[in-house]
N, C-alpha and C. Protein backbone atom coordinates (compact mmCIF):
# COMPACT_ATOMS: atom_id res chain seq x y z
N UNK A 1 132.62 115.73 88.93
CA UNK A 1 132.30 116.59 87.34
C UNK A 1 131.19 117.50 87.10
N UNK A 2 130.49 116.68 88.49
CA UNK A 2 128.31 117.38 88.74
C UNK A 2 128.95 118.54 89.57
N UNK A 3 129.61 118.25 91.15
CA UNK A 3 129.77 119.40 91.80
C UNK A 3 130.00 120.73 90.75
N UNK A 4 131.15 120.55 89.73
CA UNK A 4 131.52 121.86 89.13
C UNK A 4 130.58 122.81 89.14
N UNK A 5 129.86 122.04 87.44
CA UNK A 5 128.99 122.30 87.50
C UNK A 5 127.77 123.61 88.24
N UNK A 6 127.72 123.00 89.49
CA UNK A 6 127.07 122.95 90.12
C UNK A 6 126.94 124.92 90.23
N UNK A 7 127.92 123.95 91.01
CA UNK A 7 128.88 125.38 91.06
C UNK A 7 128.85 127.11 90.65
N UNK A 8 129.17 126.35 89.32
CA UNK A 8 128.51 126.94 88.25
C UNK A 8 127.41 128.14 87.92
N UNK A 9 127.01 127.30 87.49
CA UNK A 9 125.26 127.70 87.90
C UNK A 9 124.63 128.51 89.46
N UNK A 10 124.77 127.72 90.57
CA UNK A 10 124.72 128.50 91.46
C UNK A 10 125.11 130.09 91.57
N UNK A 11 126.61 130.49 91.03
CA UNK A 11 127.21 131.07 91.12
C UNK A 11 126.55 132.75 89.68
N UNK A 12 125.99 131.99 88.92
CA UNK A 12 125.56 132.73 87.69
C UNK A 12 124.02 133.06 88.09
N UNK A 13 122.95 131.94 88.23
CA UNK A 13 122.02 132.09 88.85
C UNK A 13 121.89 133.05 89.88
N UNK A 14 122.75 133.09 91.01
CA UNK A 14 122.46 133.23 91.88
C UNK A 14 123.22 135.28 92.01
N UNK A 15 123.89 135.52 91.09
CA UNK A 15 125.06 136.58 90.58
C UNK A 15 123.04 137.36 89.92
N UNK A 16 122.58 136.52 89.07
CA UNK A 16 121.87 137.45 88.47
C UNK A 16 120.25 137.33 89.30
N UNK A 17 120.33 136.34 89.96
CA UNK A 17 118.44 137.20 91.01
C UNK A 17 119.55 137.86 91.80
N UNK A 18 121.12 138.46 91.92
CA UNK A 18 120.84 139.74 92.71
C UNK A 18 121.11 140.96 91.56
N UNK A 19 121.50 141.03 90.57
CA UNK A 19 120.11 141.84 90.02
C UNK A 19 118.88 142.08 89.31
N UNK A 20 118.79 140.98 89.65
CA UNK A 20 116.97 141.65 89.32
C UNK A 20 116.52 142.31 90.67
N UNK A 21 116.80 142.03 92.03
CA UNK A 21 116.15 142.11 93.46
C UNK A 21 116.82 143.44 93.61
N UNK A 22 116.05 144.75 93.59
CA UNK A 22 116.48 145.53 94.06
C UNK A 22 116.87 146.25 94.91
N UNK A 23 117.64 147.04 94.82
CA UNK A 23 118.44 147.79 96.35
C UNK A 23 119.84 146.78 96.01
N UNK A 24 120.43 147.37 96.69
CA UNK A 24 122.13 146.61 97.22
C UNK A 24 121.65 145.48 98.24
N UNK A 25 122.42 143.63 97.52
CA UNK A 25 122.08 143.16 98.52
C UNK A 25 123.83 143.28 99.66
N UNK A 26 123.73 142.61 100.98
CA UNK A 26 125.19 142.74 101.70
C UNK A 26 125.43 141.00 101.60
N UNK A 27 124.18 140.04 100.66
CA UNK A 27 124.49 138.97 100.89
C UNK A 27 126.72 138.18 99.94
N UNK A 28 126.93 138.09 101.00
CA UNK A 28 128.78 137.60 100.82
C UNK A 28 129.19 137.05 99.10
N UNK A 29 129.53 136.00 98.24
CA UNK A 29 129.79 135.78 97.64
C UNK A 29 129.26 134.05 97.66
N UNK A 30 129.83 133.71 99.00
CA UNK A 30 129.80 132.60 98.90
C UNK A 30 128.37 132.06 98.85
N UNK A 31 127.33 132.76 99.81
CA UNK A 31 125.81 132.60 100.55
C UNK A 31 125.68 133.00 98.92
N UNK A 32 125.56 133.25 97.96
CA UNK A 32 125.29 134.13 96.91
C UNK A 32 124.97 132.98 96.07
N UNK A 33 126.07 132.26 96.45
CA UNK A 33 126.66 131.03 95.84
C UNK A 33 125.76 129.82 95.71
N UNK A 34 125.99 129.58 97.32
CA UNK A 34 124.97 128.53 97.72
C UNK A 34 123.80 128.97 97.36
N UNK A 35 122.95 129.46 97.91
CA UNK A 35 121.17 130.32 97.69
C UNK A 35 120.81 129.73 96.06
N UNK A 36 122.24 130.36 94.76
CA UNK A 36 121.30 129.98 93.31
C UNK A 36 121.60 128.82 93.18
N UNK A 37 122.99 127.40 94.05
CA UNK A 37 122.76 126.51 93.79
C UNK A 37 121.59 125.37 94.50
N UNK A 38 120.64 126.33 95.72
CA UNK A 38 119.45 125.79 96.11
C UNK A 38 118.21 126.18 95.42
N UNK A 39 118.38 127.31 94.80
CA UNK A 39 117.50 127.91 93.42
C UNK A 39 116.97 126.67 92.18
N UNK A 40 118.34 126.49 92.08
CA UNK A 40 118.46 125.71 91.31
C UNK A 40 117.54 123.42 91.39
N UNK A 41 118.39 123.80 92.27
CA UNK A 41 117.44 122.69 93.04
C UNK A 41 115.78 122.86 93.48
N UNK A 42 115.84 124.12 94.18
CA UNK A 42 114.17 123.98 93.77
C UNK A 42 113.59 124.02 92.33
N UNK A 43 114.12 124.41 91.21
CA UNK A 43 113.46 124.43 90.49
C UNK A 43 113.29 123.42 89.52
N UNK A 44 114.56 122.93 89.69
CA UNK A 44 114.50 121.47 88.94
C UNK A 44 113.44 120.37 90.26
N UNK A 45 112.62 120.48 91.49
CA UNK A 45 112.00 119.89 92.17
C UNK A 45 111.36 120.31 90.87
N UNK A 46 110.16 121.32 91.36
CA UNK A 46 109.04 122.06 90.02
C UNK A 46 109.08 122.21 89.28
N UNK A 47 109.51 121.27 88.17
CA UNK A 47 109.70 121.06 87.24
C UNK A 47 109.72 119.78 86.75
N UNK A 48 110.12 119.08 88.36
CA UNK A 48 109.93 117.69 88.18
C UNK A 48 108.24 117.29 88.91
N UNK A 49 107.63 118.11 89.90
CA UNK A 49 106.67 118.23 89.92
C UNK A 49 105.56 118.54 89.40
N UNK A 50 105.33 119.33 88.41
CA UNK A 50 104.85 119.98 87.54
C UNK A 50 104.43 118.68 86.51
N UNK A 51 105.98 117.98 85.69
CA UNK A 51 106.04 117.23 84.71
C UNK A 51 107.02 117.69 83.34
N UNK A 52 107.78 118.84 83.70
CA UNK A 52 108.24 119.28 82.65
C UNK A 52 109.59 119.46 82.94
N UNK A 53 110.21 118.51 83.19
CA UNK A 53 111.60 118.37 83.37
C UNK A 53 112.31 117.68 82.29
N UNK A 54 111.49 116.69 81.12
CA UNK A 54 112.34 116.21 80.30
C UNK A 54 111.40 116.37 79.36
N UNK A 55 112.21 117.61 78.97
CA UNK A 55 111.32 118.10 77.27
C UNK A 55 112.32 118.37 75.93
N UNK A 56 112.45 117.84 74.50
CA UNK A 56 113.07 118.39 74.32
C UNK A 56 113.63 119.20 73.83
N UNK A 57 114.54 119.58 72.91
CA UNK A 57 115.04 120.74 73.19
C UNK A 57 115.53 121.49 74.45
N UNK A 58 115.49 122.94 74.81
CA UNK A 58 116.20 123.75 76.24
C UNK A 58 114.45 124.00 76.58
N UNK A 59 114.98 123.71 78.18
CA UNK A 59 113.76 123.35 79.00
C UNK A 59 114.01 125.14 79.58
N UNK A 60 113.05 125.73 78.98
CA UNK A 60 112.99 127.04 79.19
C UNK A 60 112.40 127.16 80.21
N UNK A 61 110.82 126.01 80.44
CA UNK A 61 110.61 126.04 81.81
C UNK A 61 111.26 125.87 83.23
N UNK A 62 111.66 125.17 83.10
CA UNK A 62 113.04 124.72 83.63
C UNK A 62 113.87 125.81 84.44
N UNK A 63 114.57 125.80 83.50
CA UNK A 63 115.80 127.82 83.93
C UNK A 63 114.81 128.65 84.45
N UNK A 64 113.12 129.09 83.62
CA UNK A 64 112.70 129.76 84.28
C UNK A 64 112.65 129.36 85.82
N UNK A 65 111.87 128.26 86.53
CA UNK A 65 111.45 127.51 88.05
C UNK A 65 112.83 128.02 88.96
N UNK A 66 113.94 127.53 88.18
CA UNK A 66 115.54 127.57 87.98
C UNK A 66 115.38 129.53 89.14
N UNK A 67 115.41 129.53 88.14
CA UNK A 67 115.62 131.50 88.60
C UNK A 67 114.72 131.78 89.79
N UNK A 68 113.54 131.32 88.79
CA UNK A 68 112.92 132.28 90.81
C UNK A 68 113.53 131.20 91.85
N UNK A 69 113.69 130.34 91.57
CA UNK A 69 114.01 129.46 92.87
C UNK A 69 115.32 130.12 93.47
N UNK A 70 115.95 130.98 92.49
CA UNK A 70 117.41 131.67 93.09
C UNK A 70 116.95 133.22 93.84
N UNK A 71 116.25 133.23 92.95
CA UNK A 71 115.46 134.75 93.47
C UNK A 71 114.58 135.10 95.01
N UNK A 72 113.74 134.09 95.28
CA UNK A 72 113.47 133.16 96.38
C UNK A 72 114.59 132.86 97.70
N UNK A 73 115.39 132.60 97.11
CA UNK A 73 116.75 132.08 98.87
C UNK A 73 117.44 133.45 98.31
N UNK A 74 117.88 134.23 97.55
CA UNK A 74 118.56 135.54 97.35
C UNK A 74 117.34 136.31 98.37
N UNK A 75 116.51 136.38 98.10
CA UNK A 75 115.82 137.69 99.10
C UNK A 75 116.04 137.30 100.49
N UNK A 76 115.86 136.15 100.54
CA UNK A 76 115.39 135.61 101.88
C UNK A 76 117.03 135.44 102.83
N UNK A 77 117.98 134.41 101.65
CA UNK A 77 118.73 134.66 102.68
C UNK A 77 119.90 135.96 102.93
N UNK A 78 119.18 137.56 102.15
CA UNK A 78 120.02 138.54 102.30
C UNK A 78 119.48 139.24 103.65
N UNK A 79 117.92 138.86 103.98
CA UNK A 79 117.47 139.29 104.55
C UNK A 79 117.29 138.50 106.01
N UNK A 80 118.21 137.19 105.77
CA UNK A 80 118.59 136.71 107.58
C UNK A 80 119.76 137.31 107.66
N UNK A 81 121.22 137.74 106.55
CA UNK A 81 122.06 138.25 106.27
C UNK A 81 122.14 139.38 107.25
N UNK A 82 121.04 140.23 106.78
CA UNK A 82 121.60 140.97 107.75
C UNK A 82 120.52 141.57 109.06
N UNK A 83 120.15 140.25 109.23
CA UNK A 83 119.18 140.11 110.58
C UNK A 83 120.51 139.66 111.07
N UNK A 84 120.93 138.91 110.63
CA UNK A 84 122.11 137.89 111.17
C UNK A 84 123.54 138.94 111.64
N UNK A 85 123.61 139.86 110.96
CA UNK A 85 124.85 140.55 111.20
C UNK A 85 124.21 141.92 111.94
N UNK A 86 123.12 142.23 111.94
CA UNK A 86 123.28 143.37 113.02
C UNK A 86 122.51 144.45 112.73
N UNK A 87 122.53 144.18 111.55
CA UNK A 87 122.10 146.00 110.25
C UNK A 87 120.93 146.14 109.99
N UNK A 88 120.00 146.77 110.69
CA UNK A 88 118.86 147.56 110.02
C UNK A 88 118.65 147.95 108.39
N UNK A 89 118.50 147.33 107.76
CA UNK A 89 118.49 147.92 106.20
C UNK A 89 116.84 149.05 106.22
N UNK A 90 116.01 149.08 106.99
CA UNK A 90 115.57 150.04 106.97
C UNK A 90 115.89 151.77 107.54
N UNK A 91 117.04 151.51 107.98
CA UNK A 91 117.85 152.83 108.28
C UNK A 91 118.10 153.72 107.53
N UNK A 92 118.75 154.91 107.51
CA UNK A 92 118.97 155.77 106.79
C UNK A 92 120.48 155.47 106.71
N UNK A 93 120.75 156.04 105.95
CA UNK A 93 122.33 155.74 106.29
C UNK A 93 123.10 157.01 106.53
N UNK A 94 124.03 156.81 107.73
CA UNK A 94 124.89 158.32 108.09
C UNK A 94 126.05 158.62 108.21
C-alpha cells in the first residue's frame, strides 16, 4: 500500500509542479510521476534534516518542501528530457 500512496503523491506533486513552472513542459506523465516521487523524498529528507518532520497537526513545512523538491526535479527533468530528445526549447516554433 505504501507504493500506491507514493505513486499517487508523486502524480499530484508532479502535476502541481508542472502547473507552477511557466511554459509548456515536454515531460511525459510517467516521468512527471517519478519526479514528483523524488520531490516528495527530497522534501521528507529536508524536513528531517531541519527537524520539522514530526509535528502535531498538518505538516505544512514538510509539504511545502516536498512541492519545492518536485518543482526542482520536474524543471530539471524537463530540461534533460528536451536535451535527450534533441529539441531546442529556445527556438521559435515553425
